[in-house]
Amino acid sequence: MRTDWSKRWPDDQALANKDAAGVFHYPGWSMPVLKLLYEERASPLRHETTTRIRVPLRPKTIISLESYILGTNHYQIEMLANLDQVPEAGALVWITFPKVENGSGFPARVIAVVP
């Protein structure tokens, strides 16, 4: 998902986009969209934000969406940069990263070849 959110890097305040109450606001997906993407379209999901879930949401809703994603046995790549240089279709993308036993995540090297 290209949102140009990566252009806010390295400004932590701009990335968090907190309102006056300290609530984070940034783009992401709702449950119907996640189901469409994970069950009918794409694997893995790639995006620029720190999470794939639309924020702000109540904590119970966030846990429900996270549980759904983790239960699909797919991986995702967060915090992608330079998506504005990749066309909507036609690029070949390589994703490389080491598998860390019992790890929750690890930095990835993502390379797009644009014809």
N, C-alpha and C. Protein backbone atom coordinates (compact mmCIF):
# COMPACT_ATOMS: atom_id res chain seq x y z
N MET A 1 0.85 -1.16 0.00
CA MET A 1 0.00 0.00 0.00
C MET A 1 0.90 1.22 0.00
N ARG A 2 0.75 2.03 -1.00
CA ARG A 2 1.50 3.28 -1.08
C ARG A 2 0.66 4.42 -0.54
N THR A 3 1.16 5.07 0.48
CA THR A 3 0.49 6.22 1.07
C THR A 3 1.39 7.45 1.12
N ASP A 4 2.65 7.28 0.77
CA ASP A 4 3.69 8.30 0.90
C ASP A 4 3.99 8.62 2.36
N TRP A 5 3.56 7.75 3.28
CA TRP A 5 3.84 7.93 4.70
C TRP A 5 5.35 7.88 4.96
N SER A 6 6.08 7.13 4.14
CA SER A 6 7.53 7.00 4.33
C SER A 6 8.24 8.34 4.17
N LYS A 7 7.63 9.28 3.51
CA LYS A 7 8.25 10.60 3.35
C LYS A 7 8.29 11.37 4.67
N ARG A 8 7.59 10.88 5.68
CA ARG A 8 7.62 11.49 7.01
C ARG A 8 8.88 11.08 7.79
N TRP A 9 9.58 10.05 7.32
CA TRP A 9 10.80 9.56 7.96
C TRP A 9 11.90 10.60 7.83
N PRO A 10 12.72 10.84 8.82
CA PRO A 10 12.83 10.19 10.13
C PRO A 10 12.13 10.94 11.26
N ASP A 11 11.16 11.76 10.97
CA ASP A 11 10.46 12.56 11.98
C ASP A 11 9.46 11.69 12.74
N ASP A 12 9.82 11.28 13.95
CA ASP A 12 8.95 10.39 14.75
C ASP A 12 7.58 10.99 15.00
N GLN A 13 7.52 12.29 15.22
CA GLN A 13 6.23 12.93 15.48
C GLN A 13 5.34 12.88 14.24
N ALA A 14 5.92 13.11 13.08
CA ALA A 14 5.15 13.05 11.84
C ALA A 14 4.70 11.62 11.55
N LEU A 15 5.55 10.63 11.84
CA LEU A 15 5.17 9.23 11.64
C LEU A 15 4.01 8.83 12.55
N ALA A 16 4.08 9.22 13.82
CA ALA A 16 3.03 8.87 14.78
C ALA A 16 1.73 9.60 14.49
N ASN A 17 1.82 10.85 14.06
CA ASN A 17 0.64 11.66 13.72
C ASN A 17 -0.39 11.65 14.85
N LYS A 18 0.08 11.97 16.07
CA LYS A 18 -0.80 11.95 17.24
C LYS A 18 -1.68 13.21 17.26
N ASP A 19 -2.91 13.01 17.73
CA ASP A 19 -3.80 14.15 17.93
C ASP A 19 -3.56 14.73 19.32
N ALA A 20 -4.36 15.72 19.72
CA ALA A 20 -4.17 16.41 21.01
C ALA A 20 -4.30 15.45 22.20
N ALA A 21 -5.05 14.35 22.03
CA ALA A 21 -5.23 13.38 23.11
C ALA A 21 -4.14 12.30 23.10
N GLY A 22 -3.21 12.40 22.17
CA GLY A 22 -2.13 11.41 22.10
C GLY A 22 -2.47 10.15 21.33
N VAL A 23 -3.56 10.19 20.56
CA VAL A 23 -4.00 9.03 19.78
C VAL A 23 -3.32 9.07 18.41
N PHE A 24 -2.74 7.94 18.01
CA PHE A 24 -2.08 7.83 16.71
C PHE A 24 -3.13 7.83 15.58
N HIS A 25 -2.78 8.45 14.46
CA HIS A 25 -3.64 8.45 13.27
C HIS A 25 -2.77 8.17 12.05
N TYR A 26 -3.03 7.07 11.35
CA TYR A 26 -2.35 6.80 10.10
C TYR A 26 -3.14 5.80 9.28
N PRO A 27 -2.85 5.70 7.98
CA PRO A 27 -3.64 4.86 7.10
C PRO A 27 -3.41 3.38 7.34
N GLY A 28 -4.40 2.59 6.96
CA GLY A 28 -4.31 1.13 7.08
C GLY A 28 -5.58 0.49 6.54
N TRP A 29 -5.81 -0.77 6.90
CA TRP A 29 -6.95 -1.52 6.37
C TRP A 29 -7.95 -1.86 7.47
N SER A 30 -9.22 -2.00 7.08
CA SER A 30 -10.28 -2.47 7.98
C SER A 30 -10.41 -3.99 7.80
N MET A 31 -11.20 -4.66 8.64
CA MET A 31 -11.37 -6.11 8.56
C MET A 31 -11.90 -6.56 7.20
N PRO A 32 -12.94 -5.93 6.62
CA PRO A 32 -13.40 -6.39 5.30
C PRO A 32 -12.30 -6.32 4.24
N VAL A 33 -11.49 -5.28 4.28
CA VAL A 33 -10.41 -5.14 3.31
C VAL A 33 -9.33 -6.19 3.57
N LEU A 34 -8.97 -6.40 4.85
CA LEU A 34 -7.98 -7.43 5.16
C LEU A 34 -8.43 -8.80 4.67
N LYS A 35 -9.70 -9.13 4.88
CA LYS A 35 -10.21 -10.43 4.42
C LYS A 35 -10.13 -10.55 2.90
N LEU A 36 -10.48 -9.50 2.21
CA LEU A 36 -10.38 -9.52 0.75
C LEU A 36 -8.93 -9.74 0.32
N LEU A 37 -8.02 -8.99 0.92
CA LEU A 37 -6.61 -9.08 0.53
C LEU A 37 -5.99 -10.43 0.90
N TYR A 38 -6.20 -10.90 2.12
CA TYR A 38 -5.56 -12.14 2.55
C TYR A 38 -6.24 -13.39 2.00
N GLU A 39 -7.54 -13.34 1.78
CA GLU A 39 -8.26 -14.55 1.35
C GLU A 39 -8.46 -14.65 -0.15
N GLU A 40 -8.44 -13.51 -0.85
CA GLU A 40 -8.76 -13.55 -2.27
C GLU A 40 -7.68 -12.97 -3.18
N ARG A 41 -6.78 -12.14 -2.65
CA ARG A 41 -5.90 -11.41 -3.56
C ARG A 41 -4.42 -11.60 -3.32
N ALA A 42 -3.90 -11.03 -2.24
CA ALA A 42 -2.46 -10.84 -2.13
C ALA A 42 -1.85 -11.57 -0.94
N SER A 43 -0.63 -11.94 -1.13
CA SER A 43 0.20 -12.44 -0.05
C SER A 43 1.64 -12.26 -0.48
N PRO A 44 2.44 -11.60 0.24
CA PRO A 44 2.21 -10.90 1.50
C PRO A 44 1.72 -9.48 1.27
N LEU A 45 1.37 -8.81 2.35
CA LEU A 45 1.04 -7.39 2.25
C LEU A 45 2.30 -6.59 2.50
N ARG A 46 2.42 -5.50 1.76
CA ARG A 46 3.57 -4.60 1.91
C ARG A 46 3.02 -3.18 2.07
N HIS A 47 3.61 -2.43 2.98
CA HIS A 47 3.09 -1.09 3.22
C HIS A 47 4.14 -0.21 3.85
N GLU A 48 3.83 1.10 3.89
CA GLU A 48 4.79 2.09 4.38
C GLU A 48 4.65 2.40 5.87
N THR A 49 3.50 2.13 6.45
CA THR A 49 3.28 2.51 7.84
C THR A 49 3.81 1.43 8.78
N THR A 50 3.79 1.73 10.09
CA THR A 50 4.29 0.78 11.08
C THR A 50 3.31 -0.35 11.37
N THR A 51 2.10 -0.23 10.92
CA THR A 51 1.12 -1.30 11.09
C THR A 51 0.23 -1.31 9.87
N ARG A 52 -0.46 -2.40 9.66
CA ARG A 52 -1.36 -2.50 8.52
C ARG A 52 -2.80 -2.20 8.91
N ILE A 53 -3.00 -1.81 10.14
CA ILE A 53 -4.34 -1.58 10.65
C ILE A 53 -4.62 -0.09 10.71
N ARG A 54 -5.79 0.29 10.24
CA ARG A 54 -6.20 1.70 10.25
C ARG A 54 -6.32 2.17 11.70
N VAL A 55 -5.70 3.27 12.00
CA VAL A 55 -5.70 3.79 13.36
C VAL A 55 -6.30 5.20 13.31
N PRO A 56 -7.13 5.65 14.23
CA PRO A 56 -7.33 5.12 15.56
C PRO A 56 -8.44 4.07 15.63
N LEU A 57 -8.27 3.10 16.47
CA LEU A 57 -9.27 2.10 16.77
C LEU A 57 -9.22 1.79 18.26
N ARG A 58 -10.28 1.21 18.77
CA ARG A 58 -10.27 0.76 20.16
C ARG A 58 -9.31 -0.43 20.29
N PRO A 59 -8.61 -0.57 21.42
CA PRO A 59 -7.65 -1.67 21.58
C PRO A 59 -8.23 -3.04 21.28
N LYS A 60 -9.48 -3.29 21.66
CA LYS A 60 -10.09 -4.61 21.40
C LYS A 60 -10.20 -4.86 19.89
N THR A 61 -10.52 -3.85 19.12
CA THR A 61 -10.62 -3.98 17.66
C THR A 61 -9.25 -4.23 17.06
N ILE A 62 -8.23 -3.53 17.53
CA ILE A 62 -6.87 -3.72 17.03
C ILE A 62 -6.42 -5.15 17.29
N ILE A 63 -6.68 -5.68 18.50
CA ILE A 63 -6.30 -7.06 18.82
C ILE A 63 -7.02 -8.03 17.91
N SER A 64 -8.28 -7.79 17.61
CA SER A 64 -9.06 -8.66 16.73
C SER A 64 -8.45 -8.68 15.32
N LEU A 65 -8.10 -7.53 14.78
CA LEU A 65 -7.50 -7.45 13.46
C LEU A 65 -6.12 -8.10 13.44
N GLU A 66 -5.31 -7.84 14.45
CA GLU A 66 -3.98 -8.46 14.54
C GLU A 66 -4.10 -9.97 14.63
N SER A 67 -5.03 -10.47 15.45
CA SER A 67 -5.23 -11.91 15.58
C SER A 67 -5.63 -12.53 14.26
N TYR A 68 -6.49 -11.87 13.51
CA TYR A 68 -6.88 -12.36 12.19
C TYR A 68 -5.66 -12.48 11.28
N ILE A 69 -4.87 -11.42 11.21
CA ILE A 69 -3.70 -11.42 10.32
C ILE A 69 -2.73 -12.52 10.71
N LEU A 70 -2.41 -12.63 11.98
CA LEU A 70 -1.45 -13.64 12.43
C LEU A 70 -1.97 -15.05 12.19
N GLY A 71 -3.29 -15.23 12.17
CA GLY A 71 -3.88 -16.54 11.93
C GLY A 71 -3.93 -16.96 10.47
N THR A 72 -3.57 -16.07 9.55
CA THR A 72 -3.64 -16.41 8.13
C THR A 72 -2.38 -17.08 7.60
N ASN A 73 -1.33 -17.14 8.43
CA ASN A 73 -0.07 -17.76 8.05
C ASN A 73 0.59 -17.05 6.86
N HIS A 74 0.47 -15.74 6.82
CA HIS A 74 1.14 -14.91 5.83
C HIS A 74 2.13 -14.00 6.53
N TYR A 75 3.07 -13.51 5.78
CA TYR A 75 3.97 -12.51 6.35
C TYR A 75 3.65 -11.16 5.74
N GLN A 76 4.20 -10.13 6.35
CA GLN A 76 4.00 -8.77 5.86
C GLN A 76 5.29 -8.01 5.99
N ILE A 77 5.41 -6.96 5.24
CA ILE A 77 6.59 -6.12 5.29
C ILE A 77 6.14 -4.70 5.57
N GLU A 78 6.65 -4.14 6.67
CA GLU A 78 6.27 -2.80 7.09
C GLU A 78 7.39 -1.80 6.83
N MET A 79 7.04 -0.54 6.85
CA MET A 79 7.99 0.57 6.77
C MET A 79 8.76 0.60 5.45
N LEU A 80 8.10 0.27 4.35
CA LEU A 80 8.75 0.35 3.05
C LEU A 80 8.96 1.80 2.64
N ALA A 81 10.02 2.04 1.91
CA ALA A 81 10.33 3.39 1.43
C ALA A 81 10.41 3.37 -0.09
N ASN A 82 10.29 4.53 -0.68
CA ASN A 82 10.44 4.73 -2.13
C ASN A 82 9.37 4.03 -2.98
N LEU A 83 8.21 3.77 -2.40
CA LEU A 83 7.15 3.16 -3.21
C LEU A 83 6.66 4.09 -4.31
N ASP A 84 6.92 5.38 -4.15
CA ASP A 84 6.54 6.33 -5.19
C ASP A 84 7.37 6.13 -6.46
N GLN A 85 8.44 5.35 -6.40
CA GLN A 85 9.28 5.07 -7.55
C GLN A 85 8.93 3.75 -8.23
N VAL A 86 7.93 3.04 -7.69
CA VAL A 86 7.52 1.74 -8.23
C VAL A 86 6.13 1.90 -8.86
N PRO A 87 5.94 1.45 -10.11
CA PRO A 87 4.63 1.60 -10.74
C PRO A 87 3.59 0.69 -10.07
N GLU A 88 2.32 1.03 -10.27
CA GLU A 88 1.23 0.25 -9.68
C GLU A 88 1.24 -1.20 -10.16
N ALA A 89 1.71 -1.44 -11.36
CA ALA A 89 1.76 -2.80 -11.91
C ALA A 89 3.00 -2.92 -12.79
N GLY A 90 3.49 -4.15 -12.92
CA GLY A 90 4.55 -4.43 -13.86
C GLY A 90 5.95 -4.54 -13.29
N ALA A 91 6.15 -4.17 -12.03
CA ALA A 91 7.49 -4.28 -11.43
C ALA A 91 7.68 -5.69 -10.88
N LEU A 92 8.90 -6.15 -10.92
CA LEU A 92 9.28 -7.42 -10.30
C LEU A 92 9.92 -7.09 -8.97
N VAL A 93 9.44 -7.72 -7.89
CA VAL A 93 9.91 -7.39 -6.56
C VAL A 93 10.56 -8.60 -5.91
N TRP A 94 11.80 -8.41 -5.40
CA TRP A 94 12.48 -9.44 -4.62
C TRP A 94 12.46 -9.02 -3.17
N ILE A 95 12.14 -9.98 -2.31
CA ILE A 95 12.13 -9.75 -0.87
C ILE A 95 13.09 -10.76 -0.25
N THR A 96 14.12 -10.26 0.40
CA THR A 96 15.09 -11.15 1.04
C THR A 96 15.23 -10.78 2.50
N PHE A 97 15.32 -11.78 3.33
CA PHE A 97 15.54 -11.58 4.75
C PHE A 97 15.92 -12.91 5.38
N PRO A 98 16.67 -12.87 6.46
CA PRO A 98 17.02 -14.11 7.13
C PRO A 98 15.86 -14.59 7.98
N LYS A 99 15.71 -15.89 8.12
CA LYS A 99 14.70 -16.44 9.01
C LYS A 99 15.31 -16.54 10.40
N VAL A 100 14.72 -15.85 11.34
CA VAL A 100 15.20 -15.86 12.71
C VAL A 100 14.31 -16.79 13.52
N GLU A 101 14.87 -17.87 14.04
CA GLU A 101 14.09 -18.84 14.77
C GLU A 101 13.41 -18.18 15.97
N ASN A 102 12.11 -18.39 16.08
CA ASN A 102 11.28 -17.86 17.17
C ASN A 102 11.28 -16.33 17.22
N GLY A 103 11.67 -15.68 16.14
CA GLY A 103 11.68 -14.23 16.10
C GLY A 103 10.34 -13.67 15.66
N SER A 104 10.05 -12.46 16.08
CA SER A 104 8.79 -11.83 15.69
C SER A 104 8.94 -11.02 14.41
N GLY A 105 10.16 -10.76 13.99
CA GLY A 105 10.37 -9.99 12.78
C GLY A 105 11.84 -9.74 12.56
N PHE A 106 12.15 -9.17 11.40
CA PHE A 106 13.54 -8.92 11.08
C PHE A 106 13.58 -7.97 9.90
N PRO A 107 14.61 -7.14 9.81
CA PRO A 107 14.71 -6.24 8.66
C PRO A 107 14.78 -7.00 7.34
N ALA A 108 14.12 -6.48 6.34
CA ALA A 108 14.11 -7.10 5.01
C ALA A 108 14.79 -6.18 4.00
N ARG A 109 15.36 -6.76 2.99
CA ARG A 109 15.87 -5.99 1.86
C ARG A 109 14.87 -6.22 0.74
N VAL A 110 14.25 -5.18 0.27
CA VAL A 110 13.24 -5.28 -0.79
C VAL A 110 13.75 -4.51 -2.00
N ILE A 111 13.81 -5.21 -3.14
CA ILE A 111 14.33 -4.61 -4.36
C ILE A 111 13.27 -4.72 -5.45
N ALA A 112 12.94 -3.61 -6.08
CA ALA A 112 11.97 -3.61 -7.18
C ALA A 112 12.72 -3.33 -8.49
N VAL A 113 12.46 -4.16 -9.49
CA VAL A 113 13.03 -3.95 -10.81
C VAL A 113 11.89 -3.42 -11.68
N VAL A 114 12.08 -2.22 -12.18
CA VAL A 114 11.05 -1.58 -12.98
C VAL A 114 11.43 -1.68 -14.46
N PRO A 115 10.54 -2.29 -15.26
CA PRO A 115 10.87 -2.44 -16.70
C PRO A 115 10.90 -1.10 -17.42
